[in-house]
Amino acid sequence: MSPEPHKSSPGNSCPVLVEDLFLTDSFLIKGRVAGKYHRLTKMLEDSERRFISIEDAVMIALRGNEVVRTPSVMVNVKEIILAHELIDLGGDSAQRSLAQNAAEKPVRIRAFYSGSVQIELAGRIDHGAYEPAKGMGRRYFVMQDPVIRGLKLDGPSELRLLERLPYAIVQKDKLSYIYDFS
């Protein structure tokens, strides 16, 4: 079955259990990571994995109002700006807990992704979490209470999920500029 583009409308709803959320510079992708066997952060950090298969995917274009629903899509992990686990079945609660209970008080930052869509992320992180030395080889860090600016969130209703995330798993290499308020 090939993906079919649909305009977002109330009558076009699909009863799909969404577990995972991914933001790339082209799409917001909702769905379930196929064969998920660990927390989302651990799966993203898996050095053996170049693509993540997302089942029952809903892809919302960041430019325009196109919504594509497809049984499966493969997403290159290098394209992921941030991710979030919507349902904590195997959740990132351990990661959030570590971030919240770190010995150091979380610091506020503003970070900018300057790809084809200019996105600003603001929130609280462990001091220096964006540096390679923090997390010893980890490509992602957890941002608490992220505020995401630069996207038009008044399009399809799915985009409004980005307004109320309690945390985001952010890829370090996707950030170009960081203001650290520590």
N, C-alpha and C. Protein backbone atom coordinates (compact mmCIF):
# COMPACT_ATOMS: atom_id res chain seq x y z
N MET A 1 0.84 -1.18 0.00
CA MET A 1 0.00 0.00 0.00
C MET A 1 0.89 1.23 0.00
N SER A 2 0.66 2.17 -0.89
CA SER A 2 1.49 3.36 -0.96
C SER A 2 0.90 4.45 -0.09
N PRO A 3 1.77 5.39 0.36
CA PRO A 3 1.28 6.48 1.19
C PRO A 3 0.28 7.32 0.43
N GLU A 4 -0.74 7.79 1.12
CA GLU A 4 -1.74 8.64 0.50
C GLU A 4 -1.77 9.97 1.22
N PRO A 5 -1.58 11.08 0.46
CA PRO A 5 -1.68 12.38 1.11
C PRO A 5 -3.14 12.71 1.41
N HIS A 6 -3.37 13.31 2.55
CA HIS A 6 -4.72 13.72 2.95
C HIS A 6 -4.63 15.11 3.56
N LYS A 7 -5.63 15.90 3.32
CA LYS A 7 -5.74 17.17 4.02
C LYS A 7 -6.27 16.87 5.41
N SER A 8 -5.76 17.58 6.40
CA SER A 8 -6.19 17.35 7.77
C SER A 8 -7.61 17.87 7.95
N SER A 9 -8.48 17.02 8.47
CA SER A 9 -9.85 17.42 8.75
C SER A 9 -10.40 16.51 9.84
N PRO A 10 -11.42 16.99 10.57
CA PRO A 10 -11.97 16.18 11.66
C PRO A 10 -12.51 14.84 11.19
N GLY A 11 -13.06 14.74 10.00
CA GLY A 11 -13.62 13.50 9.52
C GLY A 11 -12.57 12.53 9.00
N ASN A 12 -11.33 12.94 8.98
CA ASN A 12 -10.25 12.13 8.43
C ASN A 12 -9.41 11.48 9.52
N SER A 13 -9.98 11.25 10.68
CA SER A 13 -9.19 10.70 11.78
C SER A 13 -8.99 9.21 11.61
N CYS A 14 -7.88 8.74 12.15
CA CYS A 14 -7.53 7.34 12.03
C CYS A 14 -7.24 6.82 13.43
N PRO A 15 -7.88 5.74 13.90
CA PRO A 15 -7.68 5.25 15.26
C PRO A 15 -6.35 4.52 15.40
N VAL A 16 -5.26 5.28 15.51
CA VAL A 16 -3.93 4.70 15.60
C VAL A 16 -3.33 5.07 16.95
N LEU A 17 -2.72 4.09 17.62
CA LEU A 17 -2.05 4.34 18.88
C LEU A 17 -0.67 4.92 18.57
N VAL A 18 -0.46 6.17 18.91
CA VAL A 18 0.80 6.84 18.63
C VAL A 18 1.67 6.76 19.88
N GLU A 19 2.88 6.30 19.70
CA GLU A 19 3.81 6.20 20.81
C GLU A 19 4.96 7.18 20.69
N ASP A 20 5.40 7.45 19.46
CA ASP A 20 6.63 8.20 19.26
C ASP A 20 6.41 9.39 18.33
N LEU A 21 7.20 10.42 18.55
CA LEU A 21 7.10 11.67 17.80
C LEU A 21 8.50 12.07 17.36
N PHE A 22 8.65 12.43 16.09
CA PHE A 22 9.95 12.84 15.55
C PHE A 22 9.78 14.12 14.77
N LEU A 23 10.72 15.06 14.94
CA LEU A 23 10.72 16.29 14.18
C LEU A 23 11.95 16.29 13.29
N THR A 24 11.73 16.42 11.98
CA THR A 24 12.82 16.60 11.03
C THR A 24 12.63 17.99 10.43
N ASP A 25 13.50 18.41 9.52
CA ASP A 25 13.28 19.74 8.96
C ASP A 25 12.21 19.76 7.87
N SER A 26 11.65 18.61 7.54
CA SER A 26 10.57 18.55 6.56
C SER A 26 9.24 18.12 7.16
N PHE A 27 9.28 17.23 8.16
CA PHE A 27 8.04 16.64 8.68
C PHE A 27 8.06 16.52 10.20
N LEU A 28 6.86 16.55 10.77
CA LEU A 28 6.62 16.05 12.11
C LEU A 28 6.04 14.66 11.87
N ILE A 29 6.65 13.64 12.45
CA ILE A 29 6.23 12.26 12.20
C ILE A 29 5.75 11.64 13.50
N LYS A 30 4.52 11.11 13.48
CA LYS A 30 3.95 10.41 14.63
C LYS A 30 3.76 8.97 14.24
N GLY A 31 3.95 8.07 15.18
CA GLY A 31 3.72 6.66 14.93
C GLY A 31 4.35 5.81 16.01
N ARG A 32 4.64 4.55 15.66
CA ARG A 32 5.27 3.62 16.60
C ARG A 32 6.55 3.09 15.99
N VAL A 33 7.64 3.15 16.74
CA VAL A 33 8.88 2.56 16.26
C VAL A 33 8.69 1.05 16.20
N ALA A 34 8.95 0.47 15.03
CA ALA A 34 8.77 -0.96 14.83
C ALA A 34 9.80 -1.74 15.65
N GLY A 35 9.34 -2.79 16.31
CA GLY A 35 10.25 -3.65 17.06
C GLY A 35 10.95 -2.95 18.21
N LYS A 36 10.31 -1.99 18.80
CA LYS A 36 10.92 -1.23 19.90
C LYS A 36 11.20 -2.16 21.06
N TYR A 37 12.43 -2.20 21.48
CA TYR A 37 12.84 -3.11 22.54
C TYR A 37 13.51 -2.38 23.70
N HIS A 38 13.69 -1.07 23.58
CA HIS A 38 14.31 -0.25 24.62
C HIS A 38 13.62 1.10 24.65
N ARG A 39 14.10 1.95 25.53
CA ARG A 39 13.66 3.34 25.54
C ARG A 39 14.00 3.96 24.19
N LEU A 40 13.27 4.98 23.82
CA LEU A 40 13.50 5.67 22.55
C LEU A 40 14.91 6.23 22.48
N THR A 41 15.40 6.79 23.57
CA THR A 41 16.76 7.35 23.55
C THR A 41 17.79 6.28 23.21
N LYS A 42 17.64 5.12 23.78
CA LYS A 42 18.60 4.04 23.53
C LYS A 42 18.54 3.61 22.06
N MET A 43 17.36 3.56 21.51
CA MET A 43 17.23 3.18 20.10
C MET A 43 17.85 4.24 19.19
N LEU A 44 17.70 5.50 19.54
CA LEU A 44 18.31 6.57 18.74
C LEU A 44 19.84 6.53 18.84
N GLU A 45 20.34 6.16 20.00
CA GLU A 45 21.79 6.10 20.22
C GLU A 45 22.45 4.86 19.60
N ASP A 46 21.66 3.89 19.18
CA ASP A 46 22.18 2.65 18.63
C ASP A 46 23.04 2.94 17.40
N SER A 47 24.35 2.74 17.52
CA SER A 47 25.28 3.07 16.45
C SER A 47 25.14 2.16 15.24
N GLU A 48 24.49 1.01 15.41
CA GLU A 48 24.29 0.08 14.31
C GLU A 48 23.13 0.50 13.41
N ARG A 49 22.32 1.39 13.88
CA ARG A 49 21.07 1.72 13.20
C ARG A 49 21.22 3.02 12.42
N ARG A 50 20.96 2.98 11.12
CA ARG A 50 20.97 4.18 10.29
C ARG A 50 19.54 4.68 10.06
N PHE A 51 18.59 3.74 9.98
CA PHE A 51 17.19 4.09 9.76
C PHE A 51 16.33 3.50 10.87
N ILE A 52 15.28 4.22 11.22
CA ILE A 52 14.29 3.73 12.18
C ILE A 52 12.99 3.54 11.41
N SER A 53 12.40 2.38 11.55
CA SER A 53 11.13 2.08 10.90
C SER A 53 9.99 2.52 11.82
N ILE A 54 9.12 3.35 11.29
CA ILE A 54 7.98 3.84 12.06
C ILE A 54 6.70 3.29 11.43
N GLU A 55 5.92 2.57 12.23
CA GLU A 55 4.68 1.97 11.76
C GLU A 55 3.50 2.90 12.03
N ASP A 56 2.44 2.73 11.25
CA ASP A 56 1.23 3.55 11.38
C ASP A 56 1.59 5.02 11.45
N ALA A 57 2.42 5.44 10.52
CA ALA A 57 2.98 6.79 10.54
C ALA A 57 2.02 7.83 9.98
N VAL A 58 2.05 8.98 10.63
CA VAL A 58 1.37 10.17 10.14
C VAL A 58 2.47 11.21 9.97
N MET A 59 2.66 11.68 8.75
CA MET A 59 3.71 12.65 8.44
C MET A 59 3.05 13.99 8.12
N ILE A 60 3.35 15.01 8.92
CA ILE A 60 2.76 16.33 8.74
C ILE A 60 3.84 17.24 8.16
N ALA A 61 3.61 17.75 6.95
CA ALA A 61 4.58 18.62 6.29
C ALA A 61 4.71 19.92 7.07
N LEU A 62 5.93 20.37 7.30
CA LEU A 62 6.14 21.63 8.01
C LEU A 62 5.91 22.83 7.09
N ARG A 63 5.97 22.62 5.80
CA ARG A 63 5.67 23.66 4.82
C ARG A 63 4.40 23.22 4.08
N GLY A 64 3.33 23.91 4.32
CA GLY A 64 2.05 23.52 3.72
C GLY A 64 1.23 22.72 4.71
N ASN A 65 0.08 22.28 4.27
CA ASN A 65 -0.83 21.57 5.17
C ASN A 65 -0.99 20.11 4.80
N GLU A 66 -0.05 19.53 4.08
CA GLU A 66 -0.17 18.15 3.66
C GLU A 66 0.04 17.19 4.82
N VAL A 67 -0.84 16.20 4.91
CA VAL A 67 -0.73 15.14 5.91
C VAL A 67 -0.70 13.82 5.15
N VAL A 68 0.36 13.03 5.38
CA VAL A 68 0.51 11.75 4.71
C VAL A 68 0.38 10.65 5.75
N ARG A 69 -0.50 9.69 5.50
CA ARG A 69 -0.67 8.54 6.38
C ARG A 69 -0.15 7.32 5.64
N THR A 70 0.70 6.55 6.31
CA THR A 70 1.29 5.39 5.66
C THR A 70 1.51 4.28 6.69
N PRO A 71 1.39 3.03 6.29
CA PRO A 71 1.59 1.92 7.24
C PRO A 71 3.02 1.87 7.79
N SER A 72 3.98 2.39 7.02
CA SER A 72 5.37 2.32 7.46
C SER A 72 6.22 3.34 6.72
N VAL A 73 7.18 3.93 7.42
CA VAL A 73 8.15 4.82 6.80
C VAL A 73 9.49 4.62 7.50
N MET A 74 10.55 4.67 6.73
CA MET A 74 11.91 4.57 7.28
C MET A 74 12.46 5.98 7.39
N VAL A 75 12.97 6.35 8.56
CA VAL A 75 13.51 7.69 8.79
C VAL A 75 14.99 7.57 9.12
N ASN A 76 15.82 8.31 8.40
CA ASN A 76 17.25 8.34 8.67
C ASN A 76 17.47 9.06 10.00
N VAL A 77 18.18 8.44 10.93
CA VAL A 77 18.38 9.04 12.26
C VAL A 77 19.14 10.36 12.17
N LYS A 78 19.92 10.55 11.12
CA LYS A 78 20.65 11.82 10.96
C LYS A 78 19.71 12.98 10.67
N GLU A 79 18.49 12.69 10.22
CA GLU A 79 17.52 13.73 9.90
C GLU A 79 16.70 14.17 11.11
N ILE A 80 16.77 13.45 12.20
CA ILE A 80 15.94 13.74 13.37
C ILE A 80 16.54 14.90 14.16
N ILE A 81 15.75 15.96 14.32
CA ILE A 81 16.17 17.11 15.13
C ILE A 81 15.86 16.83 16.59
N LEU A 82 14.63 16.38 16.84
CA LEU A 82 14.25 16.01 18.20
C LEU A 82 13.22 14.90 18.15
N ALA A 83 13.08 14.22 19.27
CA ALA A 83 12.14 13.11 19.40
C ALA A 83 11.49 13.17 20.77
N HIS A 84 10.38 12.47 20.90
CA HIS A 84 9.68 12.40 22.17
C HIS A 84 8.88 11.10 22.20
N GLU A 85 8.84 10.48 23.35
CA GLU A 85 8.05 9.28 23.53
C GLU A 85 6.74 9.70 24.18
N LEU A 86 5.64 9.64 23.41
CA LEU A 86 4.35 10.11 23.89
C LEU A 86 3.76 9.20 24.95
N ILE A 87 3.97 7.90 24.82
CA ILE A 87 3.47 6.93 25.78
C ILE A 87 4.67 6.29 26.44
N ASP A 88 4.71 6.32 27.74
CA ASP A 88 5.86 5.79 28.47
C ASP A 88 5.74 4.30 28.75
N LEU A 89 5.50 3.51 27.71
CA LEU A 89 5.42 2.07 27.90
C LEU A 89 6.79 1.50 28.26
N GLY A 90 7.78 1.88 27.51
CA GLY A 90 9.15 1.49 27.82
C GLY A 90 9.90 2.75 28.14
N GLY A 91 9.27 3.83 28.10
CA GLY A 91 9.56 5.23 28.20
C GLY A 91 10.94 5.72 28.51
N ASP A 92 11.04 7.01 28.37
CA ASP A 92 12.25 7.73 28.69
C ASP A 92 12.16 8.32 30.09
N SER A 93 11.34 7.72 30.95
CA SER A 93 11.20 8.25 32.30
C SER A 93 12.52 8.18 33.05
N ALA A 94 13.31 7.17 32.78
CA ALA A 94 14.62 7.07 33.43
C ALA A 94 15.51 8.23 33.01
N GLN A 95 15.49 8.58 31.72
CA GLN A 95 16.28 9.70 31.23
C GLN A 95 15.80 11.00 31.85
N ARG A 96 14.48 11.21 31.90
CA ARG A 96 13.93 12.42 32.50
C ARG A 96 14.31 12.49 33.96
N SER A 97 14.22 11.36 34.65
CA SER A 97 14.56 11.32 36.06
C SER A 97 16.01 11.69 36.29
N LEU A 98 16.89 11.16 35.45
CA LEU A 98 18.31 11.51 35.56
C LEU A 98 18.51 13.00 35.33
N ALA A 99 17.83 13.54 34.34
CA ALA A 99 17.97 14.96 34.04
C ALA A 99 17.43 15.81 35.19
N GLN A 100 16.32 15.40 35.79
CA GLN A 100 15.72 16.18 36.85
C GLN A 100 16.48 16.06 38.16
N ASN A 101 17.12 14.91 38.40
CA ASN A 101 17.80 14.68 39.67
C ASN A 101 19.31 14.80 39.57
N ALA A 102 19.79 15.41 38.52
CA ALA A 102 21.24 15.55 38.35
C ALA A 102 21.80 16.34 39.53
N ALA A 103 23.05 16.05 39.86
CA ALA A 103 23.71 16.74 40.97
C ALA A 103 23.76 18.25 40.69
N GLU A 104 23.94 18.62 39.43
CA GLU A 104 23.96 20.02 39.06
C GLU A 104 22.55 20.47 38.77
N LYS A 105 22.28 21.71 39.12
CA LYS A 105 20.98 22.28 38.82
C LYS A 105 20.86 22.45 37.30
N PRO A 106 19.72 22.07 36.71
CA PRO A 106 19.56 22.26 35.26
C PRO A 106 19.73 23.73 34.88
N VAL A 107 20.30 23.97 33.71
CA VAL A 107 20.51 25.33 33.23
C VAL A 107 19.59 25.60 32.05
N ARG A 108 19.28 26.87 31.86
CA ARG A 108 18.45 27.28 30.73
C ARG A 108 19.34 27.51 29.51
N ILE A 109 18.87 27.06 28.36
CA ILE A 109 19.56 27.37 27.11
C ILE A 109 18.55 27.76 26.05
N ARG A 110 19.04 28.43 25.03
CA ARG A 110 18.33 28.64 23.77
C ARG A 110 19.25 28.07 22.72
N ALA A 111 18.72 27.21 21.89
CA ALA A 111 19.53 26.57 20.85
C ALA A 111 18.82 26.75 19.51
N PHE A 112 19.61 26.88 18.47
CA PHE A 112 19.06 27.12 17.14
C PHE A 112 19.51 26.04 16.17
N TYR A 113 18.56 25.55 15.41
CA TYR A 113 18.83 24.66 14.29
C TYR A 113 18.65 25.53 13.06
N SER A 114 19.66 25.62 12.23
CA SER A 114 19.54 26.52 11.07
C SER A 114 19.58 25.74 9.77
N GLY A 115 18.74 24.74 9.67
CA GLY A 115 18.59 24.00 8.43
C GLY A 115 17.61 24.72 7.54
N SER A 116 16.86 23.98 6.75
CA SER A 116 15.92 24.59 5.83
C SER A 116 14.75 25.25 6.56
N VAL A 117 14.48 24.83 7.79
CA VAL A 117 13.49 25.47 8.65
C VAL A 117 14.26 25.96 9.87
N GLN A 118 14.19 27.26 10.14
CA GLN A 118 14.93 27.78 11.28
C GLN A 118 14.11 27.60 12.54
N ILE A 119 14.60 26.72 13.40
CA ILE A 119 13.89 26.34 14.61
C ILE A 119 14.72 26.76 15.82
N GLU A 120 14.03 27.30 16.83
CA GLU A 120 14.67 27.64 18.10
C GLU A 120 14.08 26.74 19.17
N LEU A 121 14.96 26.17 20.01
CA LEU A 121 14.56 25.36 21.14
C LEU A 121 15.02 26.07 22.40
N ALA A 122 14.16 26.20 23.37
CA ALA A 122 14.54 26.78 24.65
C ALA A 122 14.05 25.84 25.74
N GLY A 123 14.86 25.65 26.77
CA GLY A 123 14.46 24.77 27.85
C GLY A 123 15.59 24.58 28.84
N ARG A 124 15.43 23.59 29.70
CA ARG A 124 16.41 23.32 30.75
C ARG A 124 17.11 21.99 30.45
N ILE A 125 18.42 21.99 30.64
CA ILE A 125 19.23 20.80 30.40
C ILE A 125 20.26 20.66 31.50
N ASP A 126 20.88 19.50 31.57
CA ASP A 126 22.02 19.31 32.45
C ASP A 126 23.15 20.19 31.92
N HIS A 127 23.90 20.81 32.79
CA HIS A 127 24.97 21.74 32.38
C HIS A 127 25.89 21.09 31.33
N GLY A 128 26.02 21.75 30.18
CA GLY A 128 26.92 21.29 29.13
C GLY A 128 26.49 20.02 28.41
N ALA A 129 25.24 19.62 28.53
CA ALA A 129 24.77 18.36 27.94
C ALA A 129 24.97 18.33 26.42
N TYR A 130 25.08 19.48 25.79
CA TYR A 130 25.26 19.55 24.34
C TYR A 130 26.70 19.27 23.91
N GLU A 131 27.63 19.23 24.86
CA GLU A 131 29.04 18.98 24.54
C GLU A 131 29.30 17.48 24.36
N PRO A 132 30.25 17.12 23.48
CA PRO A 132 30.57 15.70 23.27
C PRO A 132 31.06 15.01 24.54
N ALA A 133 31.75 15.73 25.41
CA ALA A 133 32.29 15.12 26.63
C ALA A 133 31.18 14.69 27.60
N LYS A 134 30.04 15.37 27.55
CA LYS A 134 28.92 14.99 28.40
C LYS A 134 28.23 13.77 27.81
N GLY A 135 28.07 12.75 28.57
CA GLY A 135 27.40 11.56 28.09
C GLY A 135 28.31 10.63 27.31
N MET A 136 29.58 10.91 27.28
CA MET A 136 30.59 10.07 26.64
C MET A 136 30.11 9.41 25.35
N GLY A 137 30.14 10.14 24.27
CA GLY A 137 29.80 9.60 22.97
C GLY A 137 28.33 9.59 22.64
N ARG A 138 27.52 10.15 23.51
CA ARG A 138 26.07 10.19 23.23
C ARG A 138 25.79 11.28 22.21
N ARG A 139 24.90 10.98 21.28
CA ARG A 139 24.54 11.94 20.24
C ARG A 139 23.33 12.79 20.60
N TYR A 140 22.64 12.45 21.68
CA TYR A 140 21.41 13.13 22.07
C TYR A 140 21.49 13.57 23.53
N PHE A 141 20.70 14.59 23.86
CA PHE A 141 20.53 14.99 25.26
C PHE A 141 19.06 15.29 25.49
N VAL A 142 18.66 15.29 26.75
CA VAL A 142 17.27 15.53 27.11
C VAL A 142 17.10 16.98 27.53
N MET A 143 16.11 17.65 26.93
CA MET A 143 15.74 19.02 27.29
C MET A 143 14.39 18.96 27.99
N GLN A 144 14.32 19.54 29.19
CA GLN A 144 13.08 19.58 29.95
C GLN A 144 12.26 20.80 29.55
N ASP A 145 10.94 20.64 29.53
CA ASP A 145 10.01 21.73 29.24
C ASP A 145 10.43 22.55 28.02
N PRO A 146 10.62 21.90 26.87
CA PRO A 146 11.08 22.64 25.68
C PRO A 146 10.01 23.59 25.14
N VAL A 147 10.49 24.73 24.68
CA VAL A 147 9.65 25.68 23.95
C VAL A 147 10.23 25.71 22.54
N ILE A 148 9.38 25.46 21.56
CA ILE A 148 9.83 25.38 20.18
C ILE A 148 9.25 26.56 19.41
N ARG A 149 10.15 27.35 18.82
CA ARG A 149 9.74 28.52 18.04
C ARG A 149 10.24 28.37 16.60
N GLY A 150 9.60 29.07 15.69
CA GLY A 150 10.04 29.07 14.30
C GLY A 150 9.17 28.22 13.39
N LEU A 151 8.26 27.48 13.96
CA LEU A 151 7.34 26.65 13.17
C LEU A 151 5.94 27.25 13.24
N LYS A 152 5.23 27.18 12.15
CA LYS A 152 3.83 27.60 12.16
C LYS A 152 3.02 26.44 12.72
N LEU A 153 2.59 26.59 13.95
CA LEU A 153 1.84 25.52 14.61
C LEU A 153 0.34 25.68 14.45
N ASP A 154 -0.08 26.62 13.59
CA ASP A 154 -1.51 26.84 13.39
C ASP A 154 -2.06 26.05 12.21
N GLY A 155 -1.27 25.15 11.65
CA GLY A 155 -1.72 24.29 10.55
C GLY A 155 -2.47 23.09 11.09
N PRO A 156 -2.15 21.90 10.59
CA PRO A 156 -2.81 20.68 11.09
C PRO A 156 -2.68 20.56 12.61
N SER A 157 -3.73 20.08 13.24
CA SER A 157 -3.78 20.04 14.70
C SER A 157 -2.66 19.20 15.31
N GLU A 158 -2.12 18.25 14.57
CA GLU A 158 -1.04 17.40 15.09
C GLU A 158 0.19 18.23 15.47
N LEU A 159 0.40 19.36 14.79
CA LEU A 159 1.57 20.20 15.08
C LEU A 159 1.51 20.79 16.48
N ARG A 160 0.30 20.92 17.02
CA ARG A 160 0.16 21.51 18.36
C ARG A 160 0.74 20.61 19.46
N LEU A 161 1.03 19.36 19.14
CA LEU A 161 1.70 18.48 20.11
C LEU A 161 3.03 19.08 20.55
N LEU A 162 3.67 19.83 19.66
CA LEU A 162 4.97 20.43 19.97
C LEU A 162 4.88 21.55 21.01
N GLU A 163 3.68 22.04 21.28
CA GLU A 163 3.51 23.13 22.24
C GLU A 163 3.54 22.66 23.69
N ARG A 164 3.35 21.38 23.93
CA ARG A 164 3.19 20.93 25.32
C ARG A 164 4.01 19.68 25.66
N LEU A 165 5.17 19.55 25.08
CA LEU A 165 6.02 18.40 25.40
C LEU A 165 6.68 18.61 26.76
N PRO A 166 6.66 17.62 27.64
CA PRO A 166 7.35 17.78 28.93
C PRO A 166 8.87 17.67 28.78
N TYR A 167 9.33 17.01 27.72
CA TYR A 167 10.75 16.89 27.45
C TYR A 167 10.94 16.58 25.97
N ALA A 168 12.15 16.80 25.48
CA ALA A 168 12.49 16.45 24.10
C ALA A 168 13.88 15.82 24.10
N ILE A 169 14.07 14.84 23.25
CA ILE A 169 15.36 14.19 23.05
C ILE A 169 15.97 14.89 21.84
N VAL A 170 17.02 15.68 22.05
CA VAL A 170 17.57 16.57 21.02
C VAL A 170 18.88 16.00 20.50
N GLN A 171 19.03 15.99 19.17
CA GLN A 171 20.27 15.54 18.56
C GLN A 171 21.29 16.68 18.60
N LYS A 172 22.43 16.44 19.23
CA LYS A 172 23.47 17.46 19.41
C LYS A 172 23.96 18.04 18.09
N ASP A 173 24.18 17.19 17.10
CA ASP A 173 24.75 17.63 15.82
C ASP A 173 23.80 18.49 14.99
N LYS A 174 22.55 18.57 15.36
CA LYS A 174 21.59 19.37 14.60
C LYS A 174 21.56 20.83 15.05
N LEU A 175 22.28 21.15 16.12
CA LEU A 175 22.26 22.51 16.65
C LEU A 175 23.44 23.31 16.11
N SER A 176 23.17 24.55 15.72
CA SER A 176 24.22 25.41 15.18
C SER A 176 24.68 26.48 16.16
N TYR A 177 23.76 27.01 16.95
CA TYR A 177 24.07 28.09 17.89
C TYR A 177 23.40 27.80 19.21
N ILE A 178 24.10 28.08 20.30
CA ILE A 178 23.53 27.83 21.64
C ILE A 178 23.86 29.02 22.54
N TYR A 179 22.83 29.54 23.20
CA TYR A 179 22.99 30.51 24.27
C TYR A 179 22.81 29.74 25.57
N ASP A 180 23.86 29.64 26.35
CA ASP A 180 23.82 28.94 27.63
C ASP A 180 23.76 30.00 28.72
N PHE A 181 22.67 30.02 29.50
CA PHE A 181 22.47 31.03 30.52
C PHE A 181 23.05 30.65 31.87
N SER A 182 23.93 29.68 31.93
CA SER A 182 24.50 29.27 33.22
C SER A 182 25.60 30.23 33.66
